[in-house]
PDB file of all heavy atoms in Angstrom:
ATOM      1  N   LYS A   1       0.846  -1.207   0.000  1.00  0.00           N
ATOM      2  CA  LYS A   1       0.000   0.000   0.000  1.00  0.00           C
ATOM      3  C   LYS A   1       0.875   1.249   0.000  1.00  0.00           C
ATOM      4  O   LYS A   1       0.603   2.213  -0.704  1.00  0.00           O
ATOM      5  CB  LYS A   1      -0.943   0.013   1.199  1.00  0.00           C
ATOM      6  CG  LYS A   1      -1.836   1.263   1.219  1.00  0.00           C
ATOM      7  CD  LYS A   1      -2.904   1.170   2.247  1.00  0.00           C
ATOM      8  CE  LYS A   1      -3.818   2.352   2.344  1.00  0.00           C
ATOM      9  NZ  LYS A   1      -3.592   3.519   1.558  1.00  0.00           N
ATOM     10  N   LEU A   2       1.957   1.231   0.785  1.00  0.00           N
ATOM     11  CA  LEU A   2       2.865   2.367   0.822  1.00  0.00           C
ATOM     12  C   LEU A   2       3.454   2.626  -0.552  1.00  0.00           C
ATOM     13  O   LEU A   2       3.499   3.774  -1.017  1.00  0.00           O
ATOM     14  CB  LEU A   2       3.976   2.128   1.848  1.00  0.00           C
ATOM     15  CG  LEU A   2       5.050   3.209   1.931  1.00  0.00           C
ATOM     16  CD1 LEU A   2       4.449   4.557   2.306  1.00  0.00           C
ATOM     17  CD2 LEU A   2       6.129   2.796   2.922  1.00  0.00           C
ATOM     18  N   LYS A   3       3.903   1.574  -1.241  1.00  0.00           N
ATOM     19  CA  LYS A   3       4.470   1.738  -2.587  1.00  0.00           C
ATOM     20  C   LYS A   3       3.435   2.326  -3.535  1.00  0.00           C
ATOM     21  O   LYS A   3       3.746   3.228  -4.323  1.00  0.00           O
ATOM     22  CB  LYS A   3       4.964   0.394  -3.122  1.00  0.00           C
ATOM     23  CG  LYS A   3       6.237  -0.090  -2.488  1.00  0.00           C
ATOM     24  CD  LYS A   3       6.626  -1.450  -3.081  1.00  0.00           C
ATOM     25  CE  LYS A   3       7.869  -2.017  -2.463  1.00  0.00           C
ATOM     26  NZ  LYS A   3       8.207  -3.345  -3.027  1.00  0.00           N
ATOM     27  N   ALA A   4       2.203   1.829  -3.460  1.00  0.00           N
ATOM     28  CA  ALA A   4       1.137   2.349  -4.320  1.00  0.00           C
ATOM     29  C   ALA A   4       0.869   3.822  -4.004  1.00  0.00           C
ATOM     30  O   ALA A   4       0.734   4.648  -4.911  1.00  0.00           O
ATOM     31  CB  ALA A   4      -0.135   1.524  -4.151  1.00  0.00           C
ATOM     32  N   ASP A   5       0.805   4.144  -2.719  1.00  0.00           N
ATOM     33  CA  ASP A   5       0.560   5.536  -2.313  1.00  0.00           C
ATOM     34  C   ASP A   5       1.704   6.451  -2.761  1.00  0.00           C
ATOM     35  O   ASP A   5       1.467   7.581  -3.190  1.00  0.00           O
ATOM     36  CB  ASP A   5       0.376   5.633  -0.800  1.00  0.00           C
ATOM     37  CG  ASP A   5      -0.913   4.994  -0.307  1.00  0.00           C
ATOM     38  OD1 ASP A   5      -1.814   4.713  -1.134  1.00  0.00           O
ATOM     39  OD2 ASP A   5      -1.020   4.770   0.913  1.00  0.00           O
ATOM     40  N   MET A   6       2.935   5.967  -2.657  1.00  0.00           N
ATOM     41  CA  MET A   6       4.093   6.775  -3.047  1.00  0.00           C
ATOM     42  C   MET A   6       4.074   7.105  -4.544  1.00  0.00           C
ATOM     43  O   MET A   6       4.584   8.148  -4.953  1.00  0.00           O
ATOM     44  CB  MET A   6       5.396   6.042  -2.702  1.00  0.00           C
ATOM     45  CG  MET A   6       5.678   5.981  -1.215  1.00  0.00           C
ATOM     46  SD  MET A   6       7.034   4.860  -0.775  1.00  0.00           S
ATOM     47  CE  MET A   6       8.434   5.624  -1.575  1.00  0.00           C
ATOM     48  N   ASN A   7       3.463   6.237  -5.333  1.00  0.00           N
ATOM     49  CA  ASN A   7       3.424   6.429  -6.779  1.00  0.00           C
ATOM     50  C   ASN A   7       2.104   7.010  -7.280  1.00  0.00           C
ATOM     51  O   ASN A   7       1.912   7.141  -8.486  1.00  0.00           O
ATOM     52  CB  ASN A   7       3.718   5.098  -7.483  1.00  0.00           C
ATOM     53  CG  ASN A   7       5.142   4.656  -7.250  1.00  0.00           C
ATOM     54  OD1 ASN A   7       6.076   5.425  -7.420  1.00  0.00           O
ATOM     55  ND2 ASN A   7       5.316   3.419  -6.827  1.00  0.00           N
ATOM     56  N   ALA A   8       1.224   7.367  -6.370  1.00  0.00           N
ATOM     57  CA  ALA A   8      -0.077   7.915  -6.758  1.00  0.00           C
ATOM     58  C   ALA A   8       0.093   9.306  -7.372  1.00  0.00           C
ATOM     59  O   ALA A   8       0.837  10.134  -6.843  1.00  0.00           O
ATOM     60  CB  ALA A   8      -1.004   7.974  -5.552  1.00  0.00           C
ATOM     61  N   PRO A   9      -0.570   9.581  -8.479  1.00  0.00           N
ATOM     62  CA  PRO A   9      -0.451  10.892  -9.138  1.00  0.00           C
ATOM     63  C   PRO A   9      -0.817  12.060  -8.220  1.00  0.00           C
ATOM     64  O   PRO A   9      -0.199  13.122  -8.286  1.00  0.00           O
ATOM     65  CB  PRO A   9      -1.425  10.808 -10.318  1.00  0.00           C
ATOM     66  CG  PRO A   9      -1.670   9.350 -10.526  1.00  0.00           C
ATOM     67  CD  PRO A   9      -1.452   8.673  -9.211  1.00  0.00           C
ATOM     68  N   GLU A  10      -1.809  11.859  -7.354  1.00  0.00           N
ATOM     69  CA  GLU A  10      -2.214  12.961  -6.474  1.00  0.00           C
ATOM     70  C   GLU A  10      -1.114  13.333  -5.480  1.00  0.00           C
ATOM     71  O   GLU A  10      -1.022  14.475  -5.036  1.00  0.00           O
ATOM     72  CB  GLU A  10      -3.523  12.660  -5.752  1.00  0.00           C
ATOM     73  CG  GLU A  10      -3.539  11.403  -4.932  1.00  0.00           C
ATOM     74  CD  GLU A  10      -3.987  10.156  -5.686  1.00  0.00           C
ATOM     75  OE1 GLU A  10      -3.969  10.127  -6.926  1.00  0.00           O
ATOM     76  OE2 GLU A  10      -4.361   9.189  -5.004  1.00  0.00           O
ATOM     77  N   VAL A  11      -0.246  12.374  -5.148  1.00  0.00           N
ATOM     78  CA  VAL A  11       0.880  12.676  -4.261  1.00  0.00           C
ATOM     79  C   VAL A  11       1.873  13.588  -4.988  1.00  0.00           C
ATOM     80  O   VAL A  11       2.368  14.560  -4.421  1.00  0.00           O
ATOM     81  CB  VAL A  11       1.553  11.378  -3.759  1.00  0.00           C
ATOM     82  CG1 VAL A  11       2.856  11.674  -3.029  1.00  0.00           C
ATOM     83  CG2 VAL A  11       0.600  10.604  -2.866  1.00  0.00           C
ATOM     84  N   ASP A  12       2.132  13.296  -6.267  1.00  0.00           N
ATOM     85  CA  ASP A  12       3.018  14.163  -7.050  1.00  0.00           C
ATOM     86  C   ASP A  12       2.467  15.581  -7.139  1.00  0.00           C
ATOM     87  O   ASP A  12       3.213  16.551  -7.013  1.00  0.00           O
ATOM     88  CB  ASP A  12       3.221  13.605  -8.466  1.00  0.00           C
ATOM     89  CG  ASP A  12       4.152  12.412  -8.493  1.00  0.00           C
ATOM     90  OD1 ASP A  12       5.012  12.311  -7.588  1.00  0.00           O
ATOM     91  OD2 ASP A  12       4.032  11.587  -9.419  1.00  0.00           O
ATOM     92  N   VAL A  13       1.163  15.705  -7.335  1.00  0.00           N
ATOM     93  CA  VAL A  13       0.521  17.024  -7.418  1.00  0.00           C
ATOM     94  C   VAL A  13       0.703  17.769  -6.095  1.00  0.00           C
ATOM     95  O   VAL A  13       1.075  18.950  -6.081  1.00  0.00           O
ATOM     96  CB  VAL A  13      -0.971  16.894  -7.786  1.00  0.00           C
ATOM     97  CG1 VAL A  13      -1.701  18.219  -7.620  1.00  0.00           C
ATOM     98  CG2 VAL A  13      -1.131  16.374  -9.204  1.00  0.00           C
ATOM     99  N   LEU A  14       0.468  17.099  -4.999  1.00  0.00           N
ATOM    100  CA  LEU A  14       0.588  17.721  -3.684  1.00  0.00           C
ATOM    101  C   LEU A  14       2.025  18.155  -3.406  1.00  0.00           C
ATOM    102  O   LEU A  14       2.271  19.275  -2.939  1.00  0.00           O
ATOM    103  CB  LEU A  14       0.104  16.755  -2.608  1.00  0.00           C
ATOM    104  CG  LEU A  14       0.043  17.285  -1.183  1.00  0.00           C
ATOM    105  CD1 LEU A  14      -0.880  18.482  -1.087  1.00  0.00           C
ATOM    106  CD2 LEU A  14      -0.416  16.193  -0.237  1.00  0.00           C
ATOM    107  N   ILE A  15       2.978  17.302  -3.716  1.00  0.00           N
ATOM    108  CA  ILE A  15       4.391  17.653  -3.508  1.00  0.00           C
ATOM    109  C   ILE A  15       4.767  18.850  -4.370  1.00  0.00           C
ATOM    110  O   ILE A  15       5.439  19.784  -3.914  1.00  0.00           O
ATOM    111  CB  ILE A  15       5.298  16.436  -3.778  1.00  0.00           C
ATOM    112  CG1 ILE A  15       5.093  15.388  -2.678  1.00  0.00           C
ATOM    113  CG2 ILE A  15       6.763  16.865  -3.864  1.00  0.00           C
ATOM    114  CD1 ILE A  15       5.773  14.065  -2.950  1.00  0.00           C
ATOM    115  N   ARG A  16       4.338  18.866  -5.622  1.00  0.00           N
ATOM    116  CA  ARG A  16       4.642  19.987  -6.521  1.00  0.00           C
ATOM    117  C   ARG A  16       4.051  21.288  -5.981  1.00  0.00           C
ATOM    118  O   ARG A  16       4.706  22.328  -5.975  1.00  0.00           O
ATOM    119  CB  ARG A  16       4.116  19.668  -7.922  1.00  0.00           C
ATOM    120  CG  ARG A  16       4.615  20.598  -8.990  1.00  0.00           C
ATOM    121  CD  ARG A  16       4.296  20.161 -10.429  1.00  0.00           C
ATOM    122  NE  ARG A  16       3.070  19.401 -10.608  1.00  0.00           N
ATOM    123  CZ  ARG A  16       3.022  18.078 -10.809  1.00  0.00           C
ATOM    124  NH1 ARG A  16       4.121  17.374 -10.851  1.00  0.00           N
ATOM    125  NH2 ARG A  16       1.861  17.469 -10.980  1.00  0.00           N
ATOM    126  N   ARG A  17       2.797  21.234  -5.478  1.00  0.00           N
ATOM    127  CA  ARG A  17       2.176  22.444  -4.907  1.00  0.00           C
ATOM    128  C   ARG A  17       2.953  22.941  -3.695  1.00  0.00           C
ATOM    129  O   ARG A  17       3.132  24.146  -3.514  1.00  0.00           O
ATOM    130  CB  ARG A  17       0.720  22.153  -4.526  1.00  0.00           C
ATOM    131  CG  ARG A  17      -0.192  22.105  -5.721  1.00  0.00           C
ATOM    132  CD  ARG A  17      -1.663  21.911  -5.414  1.00  0.00           C
ATOM    133  NE  ARG A  17      -2.102  22.348  -4.126  1.00  0.00           N
ATOM    134  CZ  ARG A  17      -3.044  21.727  -3.407  1.00  0.00           C
ATOM    135  NH1 ARG A  17      -3.629  20.634  -3.885  1.00  0.00           N
ATOM    136  NH2 ARG A  17      -3.402  22.187  -2.235  1.00  0.00           N
ATOM    137  N   HIS A  18       3.415  22.031  -2.852  1.00  0.00           N
ATOM    138  CA  HIS A  18       4.185  22.430  -1.674  1.00  0.00           C
ATOM    139  C   HIS A  18       5.533  23.019  -2.065  1.00  0.00           C
ATOM    140  O   HIS A  18       5.985  23.993  -1.446  1.00  0.00           O
ATOM    141  CB  HIS A  18       4.352  21.249  -0.724  1.00  0.00           C
ATOM    142  CG  HIS A  18       3.090  20.902  -0.001  1.00  0.00           C
ATOM    143  ND1 HIS A  18       2.909  19.710   0.633  1.00  0.00           N
ATOM    144  CD2 HIS A  18       1.931  21.585   0.176  1.00  0.00           C
ATOM    145  CE1 HIS A  18       1.705  19.675   1.173  1.00  0.00           C
ATOM    146  NE2 HIS A  18       1.095  20.801   0.901  1.00  0.00           N
ATOM    147  N   HIS A  19       6.170  22.471  -3.080  1.00  0.00           N
ATOM    148  CA  HIS A  19       7.433  23.049  -3.562  1.00  0.00           C
ATOM    149  C   HIS A  19       7.213  24.467  -4.095  1.00  0.00           C
ATOM    150  O   HIS A  19       8.024  25.362  -3.830  1.00  0.00           O
ATOM    151  CB  HIS A  19       8.033  22.168  -4.652  1.00  0.00           C
ATOM    152  CG  HIS A  19       8.794  20.997  -4.120  1.00  0.00           C
ATOM    153  ND1 HIS A  19       9.985  20.593  -4.647  1.00  0.00           N
ATOM    154  CD2 HIS A  19       8.544  20.154  -3.107  1.00  0.00           C
ATOM    155  CE1 HIS A  19      10.430  19.539  -3.981  1.00  0.00           C
ATOM    156  NE2 HIS A  19       9.559  19.253  -3.042  1.00  0.00           N
ATOM    157  N   GLU A  20       6.133  24.652  -4.837  1.00  0.00           N
ATOM    158  CA  GLU A  20       5.822  25.981  -5.372  1.00  0.00           C
ATOM    159  C   GLU A  20       5.574  26.979  -4.245  1.00  0.00           C
ATOM    160  O   GLU A  20       6.052  28.118  -4.301  1.00  0.00           O
ATOM    161  CB  GLU A  20       4.622  25.908  -6.309  1.00  0.00           C
ATOM    162  CG  GLU A  20       4.924  25.179  -7.602  1.00  0.00           C
ATOM    163  CD  GLU A  20       3.679  24.839  -8.411  1.00  0.00           C
ATOM    164  OE1 GLU A  20       2.538  25.160  -7.975  1.00  0.00           O
ATOM    165  OE2 GLU A  20       3.840  24.226  -9.487  1.00  0.00           O
ATOM    166  N   LEU A  21       4.839  26.565  -3.226  1.00  0.00           N
ATOM    167  CA  LEU A  21       4.582  27.437  -2.078  1.00  0.00           C
ATOM    168  C   LEU A  21       5.890  27.766  -1.362  1.00  0.00           C
ATOM    169  O   LEU A  21       6.135  28.929  -1.021  1.00  0.00           O
ATOM    170  CB  LEU A  21       3.594  26.777  -1.114  1.00  0.00           C
ATOM    171  CG  LEU A  21       3.305  27.537   0.174  1.00  0.00           C
ATOM    172  CD1 LEU A  21       2.734  28.919  -0.120  1.00  0.00           C
ATOM    173  CD2 LEU A  21       2.363  26.731   1.064  1.00  0.00           C
ATOM    174  N   ALA A  22       6.728  26.779  -1.164  1.00  0.00           N
ATOM    175  CA  ALA A  22       8.024  27.016  -0.513  1.00  0.00           C
ATOM    176  C   ALA A  22       8.854  28.006  -1.315  1.00  0.00           C
ATOM    177  O   ALA A  22       9.489  28.912  -0.747  1.00  0.00           O
ATOM    178  CB  ALA A  22       8.774  25.696  -0.337  1.00  0.00           C
ATOM    179  N   ASP A  23       8.845  27.880  -2.632  1.00  0.00           N
ATOM    180  CA  ASP A  23       9.579  28.832  -3.481  1.00  0.00           C
ATOM    181  C   ASP A  23       9.036  30.250  -3.306  1.00  0.00           C
ATOM    182  O   ASP A  23       9.804  31.203  -3.171  1.00  0.00           O
ATOM    183  CB  ASP A  23       9.492  28.433  -4.954  1.00  0.00           C
ATOM    184  CG  ASP A  23      10.354  27.242  -5.301  1.00  0.00           C
ATOM    185  OD1 ASP A  23      11.267  26.895  -4.516  1.00  0.00           O
ATOM    186  OD2 ASP A  23      10.114  26.638  -6.371  1.00  0.00           O
ATOM    187  N   ARG A  24       7.712  30.383  -3.296  1.00  0.00           N
ATOM    188  CA  ARG A  24       7.115  31.716  -3.142  1.00  0.00           C
ATOM    189  C   ARG A  24       7.428  32.326  -1.781  1.00  0.00           C
ATOM    190  O   ARG A  24       7.595  33.533  -1.648  1.00  0.00           O
ATOM    191  CB  ARG A  24       5.602  31.653  -3.350  1.00  0.00           C
ATOM    192  CG  ARG A  24       5.200  31.442  -4.794  1.00  0.00           C
ATOM    193  CD  ARG A  24       3.724  31.735  -5.058  1.00  0.00           C
ATOM    194  NE  ARG A  24       2.809  31.073  -4.166  1.00  0.00           N
ATOM    195  CZ  ARG A  24       2.268  29.872  -4.359  1.00  0.00           C
ATOM    196  NH1 ARG A  24       2.568  29.169  -5.417  1.00  0.00           N
ATOM    197  NH2 ARG A  24       1.419  29.363  -3.481  1.00  0.00           N
ATOM    198  N   LEU A  25       7.529  31.488  -0.752  1.00  0.00           N
ATOM    199  CA  LEU A  25       7.825  31.979   0.593  1.00  0.00           C
ATOM    200  C   LEU A  25       9.315  32.196   0.836  1.00  0.00           C
ATOM    201  O   LEU A  25       9.697  32.783   1.838  1.00  0.00           O
ATOM    202  CB  LEU A  25       7.280  30.992   1.642  1.00  0.00           C
ATOM    203  CG  LEU A  25       5.771  30.871   1.729  1.00  0.00           C
ATOM    204  CD1 LEU A  25       5.391  29.742   2.684  1.00  0.00           C
ATOM    205  CD2 LEU A  25       5.142  32.187   2.174  1.00  0.00           C
ATOM    206  N   GLY A  26      10.140  31.688  -0.061  1.00  0.00           N
ATOM    207  CA  GLY A  26      11.577  31.837   0.116  1.00  0.00           C
ATOM    208  C   GLY A  26      12.190  30.770   1.013  1.00  0.00           C
ATOM    209  O   GLY A  26      13.284  30.960   1.550  1.00  0.00           O
ATOM    210  N   VAL A  27      11.502  29.662   1.186  1.00  0.00           N
ATOM    211  CA  VAL A  27      12.035  28.564   1.992  1.00  0.00           C
ATOM    212  C   VAL A  27      13.110  27.861   1.178  1.00  0.00           C
ATOM    213  O   VAL A  27      12.866  27.432   0.054  1.00  0.00           O
ATOM    214  CB  VAL A  27      10.924  27.565   2.384  1.00  0.00           C
ATOM    215  CG1 VAL A  27      11.500  26.360   3.104  1.00  0.00           C
ATOM    216  CG2 VAL A  27       9.877  28.254   3.235  1.00  0.00           C
ATOM    217  N   THR A  28      14.298  27.761   1.759  1.00  0.00           N
ATOM    218  CA  THR A  28      15.409  27.134   1.035  1.00  0.00           C
ATOM    219  C   THR A  28      15.913  25.870   1.705  1.00  0.00           C
ATOM    220  O   THR A  28      16.848  25.244   1.220  1.00  0.00           O
ATOM    221  CB  THR A  28      16.578  28.126   0.876  1.00  0.00           C
ATOM    222  OG1 THR A  28      16.992  28.547   2.175  1.00  0.00           O
ATOM    223  CG2 THR A  28      16.174  29.323   0.037  1.00  0.00           C
ATOM    224  N   GLY A  29      15.338  25.505   2.840  1.00  0.00           N
ATOM    225  CA  GLY A  29      15.778  24.299   3.527  1.00  0.00           C
ATOM    226  C   GLY A  29      14.786  23.899   4.593  1.00  0.00           C
ATOM    227  O   GLY A  29      13.771  24.562   4.801  1.00  0.00           O
ATOM    228  N   THR A  30      15.080  22.807   5.241  1.00  0.00           N
ATOM    229  CA  THR A  30      14.237  22.327   6.319  1.00  0.00           C
ATOM    230  C   THR A  30      15.065  22.153   7.570  1.00  0.00           C
ATOM    231  O   THR A  30      16.263  21.884   7.477  1.00  0.00           O
ATOM    232  CB  THR A  30      13.580  20.971   5.964  1.00  0.00           C
ATOM    233  OG1 THR A  30      14.602  20.020   5.688  1.00  0.00           O
ATOM    234  CG2 THR A  30      12.660  21.096   4.780  1.00  0.00           C
ATOM    235  N   PRO A  31      14.458  22.324   8.706  1.00  0.00           N
ATOM    236  CA  PRO A  31      13.064  22.721   8.855  1.00  0.00           C
ATOM    237  C   PRO A  31      12.889  24.214   8.600  1.00  0.00           C
ATOM    238  O   PRO A  31      13.852  24.981   8.615  1.00  0.00           O
ATOM    239  CB  PRO A  31      12.762  22.390  10.312  1.00  0.00           C
ATOM    240  CG  PRO A  31      14.067  22.563  11.018  1.00  0.00           C
ATOM    241  CD  PRO A  31      15.104  22.113  10.017  1.00  0.00           C
ATOM    242  N   ALA A  32      11.666  24.595   8.379  1.00  0.00           N
ATOM    243  CA  ALA A  32      11.288  26.000   8.267  1.00  0.00           C
ATOM    244  C   ALA A  32       9.853  26.113   8.777  1.00  0.00           C
ATOM    245  O   ALA A  32       9.053  25.200   8.588  1.00  0.00           O
ATOM    246  CB  ALA A  32      11.389  26.488   6.831  1.00  0.00           C
ATOM    247  N   PHE A  33       9.563  27.201   9.430  1.00  0.00           N
ATOM    248  CA  PHE A  33       8.239  27.396  10.018  1.00  0.00           C
ATOM    249  C   PHE A  33       7.699  28.751   9.585  1.00  0.00           C
ATOM    250  O   PHE A  33       8.458  29.717   9.495  1.00  0.00           O
ATOM    251  CB  PHE A  33       8.308  27.373  11.552  1.00  0.00           C
ATOM    252  CG  PHE A  33       8.951  26.125  12.096  1.00  0.00           C
ATOM    253  CD1 PHE A  33      10.305  26.109  12.386  1.00  0.00           C
ATOM    254  CD2 PHE A  33       8.208  24.979  12.301  1.00  0.00           C
ATOM    255  CE1 PHE A  33      10.911  24.968  12.882  1.00  0.00           C
ATOM    256  CE2 PHE A  33       8.807  23.831  12.796  1.00  0.00           C
ATOM    257  CZ  PHE A  33      10.164  23.826  13.083  1.00  0.00           C
ATOM    258  N   VAL A  34       6.412  28.826   9.351  1.00  0.00           N
ATOM    259  CA  VAL A  34       5.733  30.101   9.157  1.00  0.00           C
ATOM    260  C   VAL A  34       4.894  30.297  10.409  1.00  0.00           C
ATOM    261  O   VAL A  34       3.982  29.532  10.698  1.00  0.00           O
ATOM    262  CB  VAL A  34       4.853  30.108   7.900  1.00  0.00           C
ATOM    263  CG1 VAL A  34       4.109  31.430   7.783  1.00  0.00           C
ATOM    264  CG2 VAL A  34       5.700  29.843   6.656  1.00  0.00           C
ATOM    265  N   ILE A  35       5.262  31.320  11.173  1.00  0.00           N
ATOM    266  CA  ILE A  35       4.557  31.618  12.419  1.00  0.00           C
ATOM    267  C   ILE A  35       4.007  33.028  12.278  1.00  0.00           C
ATOM    268  O   ILE A  35       4.763  33.992  12.260  1.00  0.00           O
ATOM    269  CB  ILE A  35       5.490  31.497  13.641  1.00  0.00           C
ATOM    270  CG1 ILE A  35       6.100  30.094  13.694  1.00  0.00           C
ATOM    271  CG2 ILE A  35       4.721  31.818  14.922  1.00  0.00           C
ATOM    272  CD1 ILE A  35       7.153  29.907  14.770  1.00  0.00           C
ATOM    273  N   GLY A  36       2.698  33.117  12.157  1.00  0.00           N
ATOM    274  CA  GLY A  36       2.083  34.411  11.880  1.00  0.00           C
ATOM    275  C   GLY A  36       2.520  34.865  10.502  1.00  0.00           C
ATOM    276  O   GLY A  36       2.332  34.168   9.519  1.00  0.00           O
ATOM    277  N   GLU A  37       3.149  36.013  10.444  1.00  0.00           N
ATOM    278  CA  GLU A  37       3.642  36.567   9.178  1.00  0.00           C
ATOM    279  C   GLU A  37       5.140  36.350   9.002  1.00  0.00           C
ATOM    280  O   GLU A  37       5.727  36.834   8.041  1.00  0.00           O
ATOM    281  CB  GLU A  37       3.342  38.077   9.123  1.00  0.00           C
ATOM    282  CG  GLU A  37       1.865  38.428   9.152  1.00  0.00           C
ATOM    283  CD  GLU A  37       1.158  38.032   7.871  1.00  0.00           C
ATOM    284  OE1 GLU A  37       1.742  38.188   6.789  1.00  0.00           O
ATOM    285  OE2 GLU A  37       0.008  37.540   7.978  1.00  0.00           O
ATOM    286  N   GLU A  38       5.748  35.620   9.930  1.00  0.00           N
ATOM    287  CA  GLU A  38       7.209  35.464   9.929  1.00  0.00           C
ATOM    288  C   GLU A  38       7.633  34.092   9.425  1.00  0.00           C
ATOM    289  O   GLU A  38       7.102  33.069   9.848  1.00  0.00           O
ATOM    290  CB  GLU A  38       7.743  35.659  11.359  1.00  0.00           C
ATOM    291  CG  GLU A  38       9.235  35.525  11.471  1.00  0.00           C
ATOM    292  CD  GLU A  38       9.740  35.642  12.905  1.00  0.00           C
ATOM    293  OE1 GLU A  38       8.912  35.729  13.839  1.00  0.00           O
ATOM    294  OE2 GLU A  38      10.955  35.624  13.086  1.00  0.00           O
ATOM    295  N   LEU A  39       8.610  34.081   8.529  1.00  0.00           N
ATOM    296  CA  LEU A  39       9.248  32.848   8.109  1.00  0.00           C
ATOM    297  C   LEU A  39      10.442  32.617   9.028  1.00  0.00           C
ATOM    298  O   LEU A  39      11.310  33.483   9.154  1.00  0.00           O
ATOM    299  CB  LEU A  39       9.728  32.941   6.656  1.00  0.00           C
ATOM    300  CG  LEU A  39      10.560  31.766   6.158  1.00  0.00           C
ATOM    301  CD1 LEU A  39       9.748  30.478   6.188  1.00  0.00           C
ATOM    302  CD2 LEU A  39      11.083  32.044   4.762  1.00  0.00           C
ATOM    303  N   VAL A  40      10.468  31.478   9.687  1.00  0.00           N
ATOM    304  CA  VAL A  40      11.539  31.138  10.627  1.00  0.00           C
ATOM    305  C   VAL A  40      12.309  29.964  10.032  1.00  0.00           C
ATOM    306  O   VAL A  40      11.878  28.821  10.117  1.00  0.00           O
ATOM    307  CB  VAL A  40      10.976  30.775  12.020  1.00  0.00           C
ATOM    308  CG1 VAL A  40      12.109  30.484  12.984  1.00  0.00           C
ATOM    309  CG2 VAL A  40      10.064  31.870  12.541  1.00  0.00           C
ATOM    310  N   PRO A  41      13.469  30.245   9.414  1.00  0.00           N
ATOM    311  CA  PRO A  41      14.246  29.150   8.828  1.00  0.00           C
ATOM    312  C   PRO A  41      15.082  28.447   9.887  1.00  0.00           C
ATOM    313  O   PRO A  41      15.551  29.058  10.842  1.00  0.00           O
ATOM    314  CB  PRO A  41      15.148  29.876   7.822  1.00  0.00           C
ATOM    315  CG  PRO A  41      15.328  31.237   8.392  1.00  0.00           C
ATOM    316  CD  PRO A  41      14.049  31.549   9.137  1.00  0.00           C
ATOM    317  N   GLY A  42      15.216  27.151   9.742  1.00  0.00           N
ATOM    318  CA  GLY A  42      16.077  26.401  10.646  1.00  0.00           C
ATOM    319  C   GLY A  42      15.360  25.943  11.898  1.00  0.00           C
ATOM    320  O   GLY A  42      14.232  26.316  12.183  1.00  0.00           O
ATOM    321  N   ALA A  43      16.061  25.097  12.632  1.00  0.00           N
ATOM    322  CA  ALA A  43      15.508  24.542  13.866  1.00  0.00           C
ATOM    323  C   ALA A  43      15.495  25.601  14.962  1.00  0.00           C
ATOM    324  O   ALA A  43      16.420  26.406  15.064  1.00  0.00           O
ATOM    325  CB  ALA A  43      16.339  23.342  14.312  1.00  0.00           C
ATOM    326  N   ILE A  44      14.436  25.604  15.731  1.00  0.00           N
ATOM    327  CA  ILE A  44      14.360  26.480  16.906  1.00  0.00           C
ATOM    328  C   ILE A  44      13.893  25.626  18.081  1.00  0.00           C
ATOM    329  O   ILE A  44      13.204  24.625  17.907  1.00  0.00           O
ATOM    330  CB  ILE A  44      13.421  27.690  16.688  1.00  0.00           C
ATOM    331  CG1 ILE A  44      12.001  27.241  16.312  1.00  0.00           C
ATOM    332  CG2 ILE A  44      13.986  28.632  15.641  1.00  0.00           C
ATOM    333  CD1 ILE A  44      10.998  28.383  16.211  1.00  0.00           C
ATOM    334  N   ASP A  45      14.263  26.053  19.271  1.00  0.00           N
ATOM    335  CA  ASP A  45      13.858  25.288  20.451  1.00  0.00           C
ATOM    336  C   ASP A  45      12.394  25.590  20.792  1.00  0.00           C
ATOM    337  O   ASP A  45      11.805  26.542  20.285  1.00  0.00           O
ATOM    338  CB  ASP A  45      14.781  25.577  21.636  1.00  0.00           C
ATOM    339  CG  ASP A  45      14.774  27.036  22.031  1.00  0.00           C
ATOM    340  OD1 ASP A  45      13.708  27.538  22.447  1.00  0.00           O
ATOM    341  OD2 ASP A  45      15.836  27.685  21.935  1.00  0.00           O
ATOM    342  N   ALA A  46      11.832  24.756  21.644  1.00  0.00           N
ATOM    343  CA  ALA A  46      10.414  24.865  21.983  1.00  0.00           C
ATOM    344  C   ALA A  46      10.077  26.213  22.609  1.00  0.00           C
ATOM    345  O   ALA A  46       9.022  26.791  22.319  1.00  0.00           O
ATOM    346  CB  ALA A  46      10.008  23.723  22.912  1.00  0.00           C
TER     347      ALA A  46
END
C-alpha cells in the first residue's frame, strides 16, 4: 500500500504544490516554520 501511495499521481501534485509554495515563501531548507507573518528558517527550540 505504501508503494502504491508513493506512486499515486495525487501525491506528485501535492508535492509539486508544496514546492511551489516554498519557493514563493523563500524557503530554502528544512526545517522552516511560518509563524504568523514570519518565516523562521532552521531549527528552533520549543
